[in-house]
ModelCIF file with pLDDT and N, C-alpha, C, O atoms, coordinates in Angstrom:
data_MODEL
#
_entry.id   MODEL 
#
_entity.id                         1 
_entity.type                       polymer 
_entity.pdbx_number_of_molecules   1 
#
_entity_poly.entity_id                      1 
_entity_poly.type                           'polypeptide(L)' 
_entity_poly.nstd_linkage                   no 
_entity_poly.nstd_monomer                   no 
_entity_poly.pdbx_seq_one_letter_code       VSAVVPMLANVSATIDGVPVQALFANEHSFTAQGQIGFESDRP 
_entity_poly.pdbx_seq_one_letter_code_can   VSAVVPMLANVSATIDGVPVQALFANEHSFTAQGQIGFESDRP 
_entity_poly.pdbx_strand_id                 A 
#
loop_
_entity_poly_seq.entity_id 
_entity_poly_seq.num 
_entity_poly_seq.mon_id 
_entity_poly_seq.hetero 
1 1  VAL n 
1 2  SER n 
1 3  ALA n 
1 4  VAL n 
1 5  VAL n 
1 6  PRO n 
1 7  MET n 
1 8  LEU n 
1 9  ALA n 
1 10 ASN n 
1 11 VAL n 
1 12 SER n 
1 13 ALA n 
1 14 THR n 
1 15 ILE n 
1 16 ASP n 
1 17 GLY n 
1 18 VAL n 
1 19 PRO n 
1 20 VAL n 
1 21 GLN n 
1 22 ALA n 
1 23 LEU n 
1 24 PHE n 
1 25 ALA n 
1 26 ASN n 
1 27 GLU n 
1 28 HIS n 
1 29 SER n 
1 30 PHE n 
1 31 THR n 
1 32 ALA n 
1 33 GLN n 
1 34 GLY n 
1 35 GLN n 
1 36 ILE n 
1 37 GLY n 
1 38 PHE n 
1 39 GLU n 
1 40 SER n 
1 41 ASP n 
1 42 ARG n 
1 43 PRO n 
#
_struct_asym.id          A 
_struct_asym.entity_id   1 
#
loop_
_ma_qa_metric.id 
_ma_qa_metric.mode 
_ma_qa_metric.name 
_ma_qa_metric.software_group_id 
_ma_qa_metric.type 
1 global pLDDT . pLDDT 
2 local  pLDDT . pLDDT 
#
_ma_qa_metric_global.metric_id      1 
_ma_qa_metric_global.metric_value   90.05 
_ma_qa_metric_global.model_id       1 
_ma_qa_metric_global.ordinal_id     1 
#
loop_
_ma_qa_metric_local.label_asym_id 
_ma_qa_metric_local.label_comp_id 
_ma_qa_metric_local.label_seq_id 
_ma_qa_metric_local.metric_id 
_ma_qa_metric_local.metric_value 
_ma_qa_metric_local.model_id 
_ma_qa_metric_local.ordinal_id 
A VAL 1  2 89.00 1 1  
A SER 2  2 87.00 1 2  
A ALA 3  2 90.00 1 3  
A VAL 4  2 90.00 1 4  
A VAL 5  2 90.00 1 5  
A PRO 6  2 88.00 1 6  
A MET 7  2 91.00 1 7  
A LEU 8  2 92.00 1 8  
A ALA 9  2 94.00 1 9  
A ASN 10 2 96.00 1 10 
A VAL 11 2 96.00 1 11 
A SER 12 2 94.00 1 12 
A ALA 13 2 97.00 1 13 
A THR 14 2 97.00 1 14 
A ILE 15 2 97.00 1 15 
A ASP 16 2 97.00 1 16 
A GLY 17 2 96.00 1 17 
A VAL 18 2 96.00 1 18 
A PRO 19 2 96.00 1 19 
A VAL 20 2 95.00 1 20 
A GLN 21 2 95.00 1 21 
A ALA 22 2 96.00 1 22 
A LEU 23 2 96.00 1 23 
A PHE 24 2 96.00 1 24 
A ALA 25 2 95.00 1 25 
A ASN 26 2 92.00 1 26 
A GLU 27 2 84.00 1 27 
A HIS 28 2 83.00 1 28 
A SER 29 2 80.00 1 29 
A PHE 30 2 82.00 1 30 
A THR 31 2 85.00 1 31 
A ALA 32 2 83.00 1 32 
A GLN 33 2 82.00 1 33 
A GLY 34 2 83.00 1 34 
A GLN 35 2 86.00 1 35 
A ILE 36 2 85.00 1 36 
A GLY 37 2 82.00 1 37 
A PHE 38 2 81.00 1 38 
A GLU 39 2 84.00 1 39 
A SER 40 2 82.00 1 40 
A ASP 41 2 86.00 1 41 
A ARG 42 2 90.00 1 42 
A PRO 43 2 96.00 1 43 
#
loop_
_atom_site.group_PDB 
_atom_site.id 
_atom_site.type_symbol 
_atom_site.label_atom_id 
_atom_site.label_alt_id 
_atom_site.label_comp_id 
_atom_site.label_asym_id 
_atom_site.label_entity_id 
_atom_site.label_seq_id 
_atom_site.pdbx_PDB_ins_code 
_atom_site.Cartn_x 
_atom_site.Cartn_y 
_atom_site.Cartn_z 
_atom_site.occupancy 
_atom_site.B_iso_or_equiv 
_atom_site.pdbx_formal_charge 
_atom_site.auth_seq_id 
_atom_site.auth_comp_id 
_atom_site.auth_asym_id 
_atom_site.auth_atom_id 
_atom_site.pdbx_PDB_model_num 
ATOM 1   N N  . VAL A 1 1  ? 54.527 94.679  -35.351 1.00 89.00 ? 1  VAL A N  1 
ATOM 2   C CA . VAL A 1 1  ? 53.068 94.783  -35.247 1.00 89.00 ? 1  VAL A CA 1 
ATOM 3   C C  . VAL A 1 1  ? 52.664 96.245  -35.087 1.00 89.00 ? 1  VAL A C  1 
ATOM 4   O O  . VAL A 1 1  ? 51.711 96.697  -35.722 1.00 89.00 ? 1  VAL A O  1 
ATOM 5   N N  . SER A 1 2  ? 53.372 96.978  -34.252 1.00 87.00 ? 2  SER A N  1 
ATOM 6   C CA . SER A 1 2  ? 53.065 98.395  -34.032 1.00 87.00 ? 2  SER A CA 1 
ATOM 7   C C  . SER A 1 2  ? 53.214 99.220  -35.299 1.00 87.00 ? 2  SER A C  1 
ATOM 8   O O  . SER A 1 2  ? 52.485 100.191 -35.497 1.00 87.00 ? 2  SER A O  1 
ATOM 9   N N  . ALA A 1 3  ? 54.154 98.841  -36.159 1.00 90.00 ? 3  ALA A N  1 
ATOM 10  C CA . ALA A 1 3  ? 54.390 99.590  -37.389 1.00 90.00 ? 3  ALA A CA 1 
ATOM 11  C C  . ALA A 1 3  ? 53.435 99.190  -38.512 1.00 90.00 ? 3  ALA A C  1 
ATOM 12  O O  . ALA A 1 3  ? 52.992 100.043 -39.281 1.00 90.00 ? 3  ALA A O  1 
ATOM 13  N N  . VAL A 1 4  ? 53.117 97.907  -38.611 1.00 90.00 ? 4  VAL A N  1 
ATOM 14  C CA . VAL A 1 4  ? 52.358 97.398  -39.749 1.00 90.00 ? 4  VAL A CA 1 
ATOM 15  C C  . VAL A 1 4  ? 50.850 97.567  -39.594 1.00 90.00 ? 4  VAL A C  1 
ATOM 16  O O  . VAL A 1 4  ? 50.181 97.957  -40.551 1.00 90.00 ? 4  VAL A O  1 
ATOM 17  N N  . VAL A 1 5  ? 50.302 97.286  -38.422 1.00 90.00 ? 5  VAL A N  1 
ATOM 18  C CA . VAL A 1 5  ? 48.846 97.318  -38.255 1.00 90.00 ? 5  VAL A CA 1 
ATOM 19  C C  . VAL A 1 5  ? 48.248 98.670  -38.637 1.00 90.00 ? 5  VAL A C  1 
ATOM 20  O O  . VAL A 1 5  ? 47.242 98.686  -39.347 1.00 90.00 ? 5  VAL A O  1 
ATOM 21  N N  . PRO A 1 6  ? 48.803 99.799  -38.212 1.00 88.00 ? 6  PRO A N  1 
ATOM 22  C CA . PRO A 1 6  ? 48.195 101.072 -38.630 1.00 88.00 ? 6  PRO A CA 1 
ATOM 23  C C  . PRO A 1 6  ? 48.189 101.278 -40.150 1.00 88.00 ? 6  PRO A C  1 
ATOM 24  O O  . PRO A 1 6  ? 47.293 101.936 -40.679 1.00 88.00 ? 6  PRO A O  1 
ATOM 25  N N  . MET A 1 7  ? 49.175 100.723 -40.851 1.00 91.00 ? 7  MET A N  1 
ATOM 26  C CA . MET A 1 7  ? 49.219 100.875 -42.308 1.00 91.00 ? 7  MET A CA 1 
ATOM 27  C C  . MET A 1 7  ? 48.182 99.988  -43.002 1.00 91.00 ? 7  MET A C  1 
ATOM 28  O O  . MET A 1 7  ? 47.672 100.345 -44.064 1.00 91.00 ? 7  MET A O  1 
ATOM 29  N N  . LEU A 1 8  ? 47.872 98.837  -42.407 1.00 92.00 ? 8  LEU A N  1 
ATOM 30  C CA . LEU A 1 8  ? 46.933 97.898  -43.018 1.00 92.00 ? 8  LEU A CA 1 
ATOM 31  C C  . LEU A 1 8  ? 45.502 98.049  -42.513 1.00 92.00 ? 8  LEU A C  1 
ATOM 32  O O  . LEU A 1 8  ? 44.572 97.526  -43.126 1.00 92.00 ? 8  LEU A O  1 
ATOM 33  N N  . ALA A 1 9  ? 45.319 98.753  -41.413 1.00 94.00 ? 9  ALA A N  1 
ATOM 34  C CA . ALA A 1 9  ? 43.997 98.857  -40.790 1.00 94.00 ? 9  ALA A CA 1 
ATOM 35  C C  . ALA A 1 9  ? 42.973 99.442  -41.747 1.00 94.00 ? 9  ALA A C  1 
ATOM 36  O O  . ALA A 1 9  ? 43.247 100.391 -42.482 1.00 94.00 ? 9  ALA A O  1 
ATOM 37  N N  . ASN A 1 10 ? 41.789 98.851  -41.718 1.00 96.00 ? 10 ASN A N  1 
ATOM 38  C CA . ASN A 1 10 ? 40.701 99.387  -42.535 1.00 96.00 ? 10 ASN A CA 1 
ATOM 39  C C  . ASN A 1 10 ? 39.552 99.913  -41.681 1.00 96.00 ? 10 ASN A C  1 
ATOM 40  O O  . ASN A 1 10 ? 38.556 100.402 -42.213 1.00 96.00 ? 10 ASN A O  1 
ATOM 41  N N  . VAL A 1 11 ? 39.689 99.811  -40.334 1.00 96.00 ? 11 VAL A N  1 
ATOM 42  C CA . VAL A 1 11 ? 38.669 100.355 -39.436 1.00 96.00 ? 11 VAL A CA 1 
ATOM 43  C C  . VAL A 1 11 ? 39.310 100.897 -38.168 1.00 96.00 ? 11 VAL A C  1 
ATOM 44  O O  . VAL A 1 11 ? 40.382 100.466 -37.742 1.00 96.00 ? 11 VAL A O  1 
ATOM 45  N N  . SER A 1 12 ? 38.615 101.850 -37.590 1.00 94.00 ? 12 SER A N  1 
ATOM 46  C CA . SER A 1 12 ? 38.905 102.271 -36.217 1.00 94.00 ? 12 SER A CA 1 
ATOM 47  C C  . SER A 1 12 ? 37.786 101.664 -35.393 1.00 94.00 ? 12 SER A C  1 
ATOM 48  O O  . SER A 1 12 ? 36.611 101.943 -35.627 1.00 94.00 ? 12 SER A O  1 
ATOM 49  N N  . ALA A 1 13 ? 38.149 100.842 -34.437 1.00 97.00 ? 13 ALA A N  1 
ATOM 50  C CA . ALA A 1 13 ? 37.167 100.153 -33.611 1.00 97.00 ? 13 ALA A CA 1 
ATOM 51  C C  . ALA A 1 13 ? 37.408 100.490 -32.157 1.00 97.00 ? 13 ALA A C  1 
ATOM 52  O O  . ALA A 1 13 ? 38.425 101.090 -31.808 1.00 97.00 ? 13 ALA A O  1 
ATOM 53  N N  . THR A 1 14 ? 36.475 100.106 -31.316 1.00 97.00 ? 14 THR A N  1 
ATOM 54  C CA . THR A 1 14 ? 36.712 100.150 -29.882 1.00 97.00 ? 14 THR A CA 1 
ATOM 55  C C  . THR A 1 14 ? 36.462 98.755  -29.334 1.00 97.00 ? 14 THR A C  1 
ATOM 56  O O  . THR A 1 14 ? 35.511 98.078  -29.726 1.00 97.00 ? 14 THR A O  1 
ATOM 57  N N  . ILE A 1 15 ? 37.328 98.338  -28.422 1.00 97.00 ? 15 ILE A N  1 
ATOM 58  C CA . ILE A 1 15 ? 37.158 97.067  -27.728 1.00 97.00 ? 15 ILE A CA 1 
ATOM 59  C C  . ILE A 1 15 ? 37.031 97.419  -26.255 1.00 97.00 ? 15 ILE A C  1 
ATOM 60  O O  . ILE A 1 15 ? 37.966 97.929  -25.638 1.00 97.00 ? 15 ILE A O  1 
ATOM 61  N N  . ASP A 1 16 ? 35.862 97.137  -25.705 1.00 97.00 ? 16 ASP A N  1 
ATOM 62  C CA . ASP A 1 16 ? 35.547 97.552  -24.333 1.00 97.00 ? 16 ASP A CA 1 
ATOM 63  C C  . ASP A 1 16 ? 35.855 99.033  -24.113 1.00 97.00 ? 16 ASP A C  1 
ATOM 64  O O  . ASP A 1 16 ? 36.376 99.421  -23.068 1.00 97.00 ? 16 ASP A O  1 
ATOM 65  N N  . GLY A 1 17 ? 35.522 99.857  -25.120 1.00 96.00 ? 17 GLY A N  1 
ATOM 66  C CA . GLY A 1 17 ? 35.668 101.298 -25.010 1.00 96.00 ? 17 GLY A CA 1 
ATOM 67  C C  . GLY A 1 17 ? 37.048 101.844 -25.327 1.00 96.00 ? 17 GLY A C  1 
ATOM 68  O O  . GLY A 1 17 ? 37.239 103.060 -25.338 1.00 96.00 ? 17 GLY A O  1 
ATOM 69  N N  . VAL A 1 18 ? 38.022 100.965 -25.587 1.00 96.00 ? 18 VAL A N  1 
ATOM 70  C CA . VAL A 1 18 ? 39.394 101.398 -25.884 1.00 96.00 ? 18 VAL A CA 1 
ATOM 71  C C  . VAL A 1 18 ? 39.584 101.426 -27.403 1.00 96.00 ? 18 VAL A C  1 
ATOM 72  O O  . VAL A 1 18 ? 39.370 100.407 -28.060 1.00 96.00 ? 18 VAL A O  1 
ATOM 73  N N  . PRO A 1 19 ? 39.982 102.574 -27.980 1.00 96.00 ? 19 PRO A N  1 
ATOM 74  C CA . PRO A 1 19 ? 40.158 102.650 -29.432 1.00 96.00 ? 19 PRO A CA 1 
ATOM 75  C C  . PRO A 1 19 ? 41.330 101.806 -29.916 1.00 96.00 ? 19 PRO A C  1 
ATOM 76  O O  . PRO A 1 19 ? 42.362 101.708 -29.252 1.00 96.00 ? 19 PRO A O  1 
ATOM 77  N N  . VAL A 1 20 ? 41.149 101.197 -31.092 1.00 95.00 ? 20 VAL A N  1 
ATOM 78  C CA . VAL A 1 20 ? 42.189 100.362 -31.692 1.00 95.00 ? 20 VAL A CA 1 
ATOM 79  C C  . VAL A 1 20 ? 42.049 100.408 -33.215 1.00 95.00 ? 20 VAL A C  1 
ATOM 80  O O  . VAL A 1 20 ? 40.938 100.401 -33.745 1.00 95.00 ? 20 VAL A O  1 
ATOM 81  N N  . GLN A 1 21 ? 43.176 100.455 -33.904 1.00 95.00 ? 21 GLN A N  1 
ATOM 82  C CA . GLN A 1 21 ? 43.199 100.331 -35.359 1.00 95.00 ? 21 GLN A CA 1 
ATOM 83  C C  . GLN A 1 21 ? 43.241 98.842  -35.669 1.00 95.00 ? 21 GLN A C  1 
ATOM 84  O O  . GLN A 1 21 ? 44.010 98.104  -35.053 1.00 95.00 ? 21 GLN A O  1 
ATOM 85  N N  . ALA A 1 22 ? 42.417 98.389  -36.626 1.00 96.00 ? 22 ALA A N  1 
ATOM 86  C CA . ALA A 1 22 ? 42.312 96.958  -36.866 1.00 96.00 ? 22 ALA A CA 1 
ATOM 87  C C  . ALA A 1 22 ? 41.895 96.680  -38.305 1.00 96.00 ? 22 ALA A C  1 
ATOM 88  O O  . ALA A 1 22 ? 41.582 97.588  -39.074 1.00 96.00 ? 22 ALA A O  1 
ATOM 89  N N  . LEU A 1 23 ? 41.903 95.410  -38.634 1.00 96.00 ? 23 LEU A N  1 
ATOM 90  C CA . LEU A 1 23 ? 41.452 94.935  -39.939 1.00 96.00 ? 23 LEU A CA 1 
ATOM 91  C C  . LEU A 1 23 ? 40.140 94.192  -39.731 1.00 96.00 ? 23 LEU A C  1 
ATOM 92  O O  . LEU A 1 23 ? 40.077 93.240  -38.955 1.00 96.00 ? 23 LEU A O  1 
ATOM 93  N N  . PHE A 1 24 ? 39.087 94.631  -40.430 1.00 96.00 ? 24 PHE A N  1 
ATOM 94  C CA . PHE A 1 24 ? 37.775 94.005  -40.306 1.00 96.00 ? 24 PHE A CA 1 
ATOM 95  C C  . PHE A 1 24 ? 37.478 93.231  -41.575 1.00 96.00 ? 24 PHE A C  1 
ATOM 96  O O  . PHE A 1 24 ? 37.718 93.713  -42.682 1.00 96.00 ? 24 PHE A O  1 
ATOM 97  N N  . ALA A 1 25 ? 36.959 92.034  -41.406 1.00 95.00 ? 25 ALA A N  1 
ATOM 98  C CA . ALA A 1 25 ? 36.520 91.211  -42.531 1.00 95.00 ? 25 ALA A CA 1 
ATOM 99  C C  . ALA A 1 25 ? 35.211 90.546  -42.137 1.00 95.00 ? 25 ALA A C  1 
ATOM 100 O O  . ALA A 1 25 ? 34.975 90.269  -40.961 1.00 95.00 ? 25 ALA A O  1 
ATOM 101 N N  . ASN A 1 26 ? 34.370 90.294  -43.116 1.00 92.00 ? 26 ASN A N  1 
ATOM 102 C CA . ASN A 1 26 ? 33.102 89.629  -42.861 1.00 92.00 ? 26 ASN A CA 1 
ATOM 103 C C  . ASN A 1 26 ? 32.901 88.555  -43.919 1.00 92.00 ? 26 ASN A C  1 
ATOM 104 O O  . ASN A 1 26 ? 32.278 88.792  -44.954 1.00 92.00 ? 26 ASN A O  1 
ATOM 105 N N  . GLU A 1 27 ? 33.436 87.377  -43.645 1.00 84.00 ? 27 GLU A N  1 
ATOM 106 C CA . GLU A 1 27 ? 33.327 86.265  -44.599 1.00 84.00 ? 27 GLU A CA 1 
ATOM 107 C C  . GLU A 1 27 ? 31.865 85.880  -44.758 1.00 84.00 ? 27 GLU A C  1 
ATOM 108 O O  . GLU A 1 27 ? 31.101 85.865  -43.793 1.00 84.00 ? 27 GLU A O  1 
ATOM 109 N N  . HIS A 1 28 ? 31.494 85.573  -45.976 1.00 83.00 ? 28 HIS A N  1 
ATOM 110 C CA . HIS A 1 28 ? 30.135 85.144  -46.269 1.00 83.00 ? 28 HIS A CA 1 
ATOM 111 C C  . HIS A 1 28 ? 30.209 83.743  -46.857 1.00 83.00 ? 28 HIS A C  1 
ATOM 112 O O  . HIS A 1 28 ? 31.077 83.458  -47.682 1.00 83.00 ? 28 HIS A O  1 
ATOM 113 N N  . SER A 1 29 ? 29.305 82.871  -46.438 1.00 80.00 ? 29 SER A N  1 
ATOM 114 C CA . SER A 1 29 ? 29.292 81.517  -46.996 1.00 80.00 ? 29 SER A CA 1 
ATOM 115 C C  . SER A 1 29 ? 27.866 81.095  -47.302 1.00 80.00 ? 29 SER A C  1 
ATOM 116 O O  . SER A 1 29 ? 26.906 81.557  -46.685 1.00 80.00 ? 29 SER A O  1 
ATOM 117 N N  . PHE A 1 30 ? 27.762 80.213  -48.264 1.00 82.00 ? 30 PHE A N  1 
ATOM 118 C CA . PHE A 1 30 ? 26.478 79.633  -48.652 1.00 82.00 ? 30 PHE A CA 1 
ATOM 119 C C  . PHE A 1 30 ? 26.677 78.130  -48.755 1.00 82.00 ? 30 PHE A C  1 
ATOM 120 O O  . PHE A 1 30 ? 27.593 77.657  -49.428 1.00 82.00 ? 30 PHE A O  1 
ATOM 121 N N  . THR A 1 31 ? 25.812 77.385  -48.081 1.00 85.00 ? 31 THR A N  1 
ATOM 122 C CA . THR A 1 31 ? 25.877 75.931  -48.112 1.00 85.00 ? 31 THR A CA 1 
ATOM 123 C C  . THR A 1 31 ? 24.522 75.406  -48.557 1.00 85.00 ? 31 THR A C  1 
ATOM 124 O O  . THR A 1 31 ? 23.482 75.823  -48.048 1.00 85.00 ? 31 THR A O  1 
ATOM 125 N N  . ALA A 1 32 ? 24.549 74.494  -49.504 1.00 83.00 ? 32 ALA A N  1 
ATOM 126 C CA . ALA A 1 32 ? 23.304 73.892  -49.984 1.00 83.00 ? 32 ALA A CA 1 
ATOM 127 C C  . ALA A 1 32 ? 23.137 72.504  -49.386 1.00 83.00 ? 32 ALA A C  1 
ATOM 128 O O  . ALA A 1 32 ? 24.068 71.699  -49.368 1.00 83.00 ? 32 ALA A O  1 
ATOM 129 N N  . GLN A 1 33 ? 21.938 72.243  -48.899 1.00 82.00 ? 33 GLN A N  1 
ATOM 130 C CA . GLN A 1 33 ? 21.550 70.924  -48.410 1.00 82.00 ? 33 GLN A CA 1 
ATOM 131 C C  . GLN A 1 33 ? 20.321 70.518  -49.213 1.00 82.00 ? 33 GLN A C  1 
ATOM 132 O O  . GLN A 1 33 ? 19.194 70.850  -48.847 1.00 82.00 ? 33 GLN A O  1 
ATOM 133 N N  . GLY A 1 34 ? 20.542 69.802  -50.303 1.00 83.00 ? 34 GLY A N  1 
ATOM 134 C CA . GLY A 1 34 ? 19.426 69.484  -51.193 1.00 83.00 ? 34 GLY A CA 1 
ATOM 135 C C  . GLY A 1 34 ? 18.910 70.751  -51.832 1.00 83.00 ? 34 GLY A C  1 
ATOM 136 O O  . GLY A 1 34 ? 19.664 71.480  -52.477 1.00 83.00 ? 34 GLY A O  1 
ATOM 137 N N  . GLN A 1 35 ? 17.625 71.019  -51.656 1.00 86.00 ? 35 GLN A N  1 
ATOM 138 C CA . GLN A 1 35 ? 17.022 72.218  -52.233 1.00 86.00 ? 35 GLN A CA 1 
ATOM 139 C C  . GLN A 1 35 ? 17.007 73.387  -51.254 1.00 86.00 ? 35 GLN A C  1 
ATOM 140 O O  . GLN A 1 35 ? 16.496 74.461  -51.570 1.00 86.00 ? 35 GLN A O  1 
ATOM 141 N N  . ILE A 1 36 ? 17.560 73.179  -50.083 1.00 85.00 ? 36 ILE A N  1 
ATOM 142 C CA . ILE A 1 36 ? 17.588 74.232  -49.071 1.00 85.00 ? 36 ILE A CA 1 
ATOM 143 C C  . ILE A 1 36 ? 18.996 74.790  -48.965 1.00 85.00 ? 36 ILE A C  1 
ATOM 144 O O  . ILE A 1 36 ? 19.969 74.037  -48.936 1.00 85.00 ? 36 ILE A O  1 
ATOM 145 N N  . GLY A 1 37 ? 19.100 76.100  -48.908 1.00 82.00 ? 37 GLY A N  1 
ATOM 146 C CA . GLY A 1 37 ? 20.400 76.739  -48.767 1.00 82.00 ? 37 GLY A CA 1 
ATOM 147 C C  . GLY A 1 37 ? 20.507 77.478  -47.452 1.00 82.00 ? 37 GLY A C  1 
ATOM 148 O O  . GLY A 1 37 ? 19.519 77.985  -46.921 1.00 82.00 ? 37 GLY A O  1 
ATOM 149 N N  . PHE A 1 38 ? 21.712 77.531  -46.940 1.00 81.00 ? 38 PHE A N  1 
ATOM 150 C CA . PHE A 1 38 ? 21.984 78.234  -45.695 1.00 81.00 ? 38 PHE A CA 1 
ATOM 151 C C  . PHE A 1 38 ? 23.054 79.281  -45.956 1.00 81.00 ? 38 PHE A C  1 
ATOM 152 O O  . PHE A 1 38 ? 24.111 78.978  -46.510 1.00 81.00 ? 38 PHE A O  1 
ATOM 153 N N  . GLU A 1 39 ? 22.774 80.508  -45.556 1.00 84.00 ? 39 GLU A N  1 
ATOM 154 C CA . GLU A 1 39 ? 23.755 81.580  -45.681 1.00 84.00 ? 39 GLU A CA 1 
ATOM 155 C C  . GLU A 1 39 ? 24.206 81.986  -44.291 1.00 84.00 ? 39 GLU A C  1 
ATOM 156 O O  . GLU A 1 39 ? 23.427 81.970  -43.338 1.00 84.00 ? 39 GLU A O  1 
ATOM 157 N N  . SER A 1 40 ? 25.469 82.347  -44.193 1.00 82.00 ? 40 SER A N  1 
ATOM 158 C CA . SER A 1 40 ? 25.974 82.839  -42.917 1.00 82.00 ? 40 SER A CA 1 
ATOM 159 C C  . SER A 1 40 ? 27.100 83.821  -43.170 1.00 82.00 ? 40 SER A C  1 
ATOM 160 O O  . SER A 1 40 ? 27.700 83.837  -44.244 1.00 82.00 ? 40 SER A O  1 
ATOM 161 N N  . ASP A 1 41 ? 27.375 84.628  -42.179 1.00 86.00 ? 41 ASP A N  1 
ATOM 162 C CA . ASP A 1 41 ? 28.535 85.499  -42.243 1.00 86.00 ? 41 ASP A CA 1 
ATOM 163 C C  . ASP A 1 41 ? 29.346 85.280  -40.976 1.00 86.00 ? 41 ASP A C  1 
ATOM 164 O O  . ASP A 1 41 ? 28.852 84.748  -39.982 1.00 86.00 ? 41 ASP A O  1 
ATOM 165 N N  . ARG A 1 42 ? 30.593 85.699  -41.035 1.00 90.00 ? 42 ARG A N  1 
ATOM 166 C CA . ARG A 1 42 ? 31.503 85.507  -39.911 1.00 90.00 ? 42 ARG A CA 1 
ATOM 167 C C  . ARG A 1 42 ? 32.348 86.764  -39.773 1.00 90.00 ? 42 ARG A C  1 
ATOM 168 O O  . ARG A 1 42 ? 33.448 86.841  -40.320 1.00 90.00 ? 42 ARG A O  1 
ATOM 169 N N  . PRO A 1 43 ? 31.830 87.763  -39.032 1.00 96.00 ? 43 PRO A N  1 
ATOM 170 C CA . PRO A 1 43 ? 32.617 88.983  -38.859 1.00 96.00 ? 43 PRO A CA 1 
ATOM 171 C C  . PRO A 1 43 ? 33.838 88.723  -37.981 1.00 96.00 ? 43 PRO A C  1 
ATOM 172 O O  . PRO A 1 43 ? 34.621 89.637  -37.724 1.00 96.00 ? 43 PRO A O  1 
#
């Protein structure tokens, strides 16, 4: 984990103020209910 995460990381983030290399993704979805659609994301 220590070797691979820095190579794959696409962001530098902080968690409670502590810096960490990580992978960020923001899935997007669209669901239709009849003629009404709902969009959401999941960071």
